[in-house]
């Protein structure tokens, strides 16, 4: 068929569980990851490639709904996630 496709592929050998590879070409979009977490992050990147009108609450006319051809491989740099608490922005008692 001549229509582009959006495909998701689980590939256990692709790397860490949150890693993914996003490919956009003439065939469509392929997001490949070793787990559902990686597929989720790949989908978030795809969302960022779309025009800002994707966030609109109603239909927006005159938007070019195309994606640039690209190949993106992404993985977390470290295996943990953290939270930084900036205590200087809040007022706390001595206790």
Protein backbone atom coordinates (compact mmCIF):
# COMPACT_ATOMS: atom_id res chain seq x y z
CA UNK A 1 0.00 0.00 0.00
CA UNK A 2 1.07 3.63 -0.50
CA UNK A 3 0.08 4.73 2.98
CA UNK A 4 2.63 5.26 5.72
CA UNK A 5 2.36 3.11 8.82
CA UNK A 6 2.97 3.55 12.52
CA UNK A 7 4.58 0.36 13.83
CA UNK A 8 5.81 -0.69 17.26
CA UNK A 9 8.26 -3.56 17.69
CA UNK A 10 9.48 -5.19 20.89
CA UNK A 11 13.10 -6.26 20.53
CA UNK A 12 14.58 -7.70 23.74
CA UNK A 13 18.14 -7.35 22.38
CA UNK A 14 17.81 -3.58 21.83
CA UNK A 15 19.41 -2.46 25.13
CA UNK A 16 18.19 -1.16 28.48
CA UNK A 17 14.46 -1.35 29.20
CA UNK A 18 13.93 2.40 28.64
CA UNK A 19 15.94 2.62 25.42
CA UNK A 20 14.34 2.93 21.99
CA UNK A 21 15.03 3.55 18.33
CA UNK A 22 12.68 5.78 16.36
CA UNK A 23 12.86 5.70 12.56
CA UNK A 24 10.79 7.92 10.25
CA UNK A 25 11.14 7.28 6.51
CA UNK A 26 9.04 6.84 3.37
CA UNK A 27 7.51 3.64 4.79
CA UNK A 28 6.25 5.37 7.93
CA UNK A 29 7.25 5.37 11.59
CA UNK A 30 8.87 2.49 13.45
CA UNK A 31 9.49 2.59 17.19
CA UNK A 32 11.60 -0.34 18.36
CA UNK A 33 12.34 -1.03 22.04
CA UNK A 34 13.03 -3.89 24.45
CA UNK A 35 10.04 -3.07 26.68
CA UNK A 36 6.82 -1.11 26.92
CA UNK A 37 8.72 1.63 28.80
CA UNK A 38 11.02 2.12 25.80
CA UNK A 39 8.03 2.20 23.45
CA UNK A 40 6.44 4.85 25.68
CA UNK A 41 9.54 7.08 25.54
CA UNK A 42 9.80 6.59 21.78
CA UNK A 43 6.17 7.69 21.43
CA UNK A 44 6.92 10.80 23.53
CA UNK A 45 9.74 11.70 21.13
CA UNK A 46 7.43 11.15 18.15
CA UNK A 47 4.89 13.49 19.79
CA UNK A 48 7.60 16.19 20.03
CA UNK A 49 8.32 15.90 16.29
CA UNK A 50 4.70 16.73 15.41
CA UNK A 51 3.52 20.34 14.88
CA UNK A 52 2.42 22.26 18.01
CA UNK A 53 -1.19 22.00 16.80
CA UNK A 54 -1.17 18.41 18.11
CA UNK A 55 -1.91 19.96 21.54
CA UNK A 56 -4.99 21.86 20.31
CA UNK A 57 -8.34 20.98 21.86
CA UNK A 58 -10.13 21.34 18.50
CA UNK A 59 -9.30 20.79 14.83
CA UNK A 60 -6.75 23.24 13.45
CA UNK A 61 -6.94 24.08 9.76
CA UNK A 62 -3.92 24.57 7.50
CA UNK A 63 -1.45 22.45 9.48
CA UNK A 64 1.14 20.40 7.61
CA UNK A 65 0.91 17.06 9.45
CA UNK A 66 4.20 15.67 8.21
CA UNK A 67 7.24 14.35 10.04
CA UNK A 68 10.89 14.85 9.11
CA UNK A 69 12.74 11.71 8.08
CA UNK A 70 15.01 10.80 10.96
CA UNK A 71 16.61 8.01 12.94
CA UNK A 72 16.90 8.52 16.70
CA UNK A 73 18.51 6.10 19.15
CA UNK A 74 18.07 7.04 22.79
CA UNK A 75 18.78 5.40 26.13
CA UNK A 76 19.12 6.63 29.70
CA UNK A 77 22.66 7.64 30.57
CA UNK A 78 22.33 6.13 34.05
CA UNK A 79 20.16 3.34 35.40
CA UNK A 80 18.45 5.39 38.09
CA UNK A 81 16.25 8.45 38.29
CA UNK A 82 16.48 11.01 41.05
CA UNK A 83 14.75 14.03 42.44
CA UNK A 84 16.49 17.25 43.37
CA UNK A 85 14.85 19.22 46.14
CA UNK A 86 15.79 22.89 46.05
CA UNK A 87 15.32 23.93 49.67
CA UNK A 88 16.45 27.49 48.97
CA UNK A 89 13.13 28.22 47.24
CA UNK A 90 11.05 27.23 50.24
CA UNK A 91 10.95 28.47 53.79
CA UNK A 92 11.44 25.85 56.47
CA UNK A 93 11.76 26.19 60.18
CA UNK A 94 14.99 25.16 61.92
CA UNK A 95 13.35 21.95 63.07
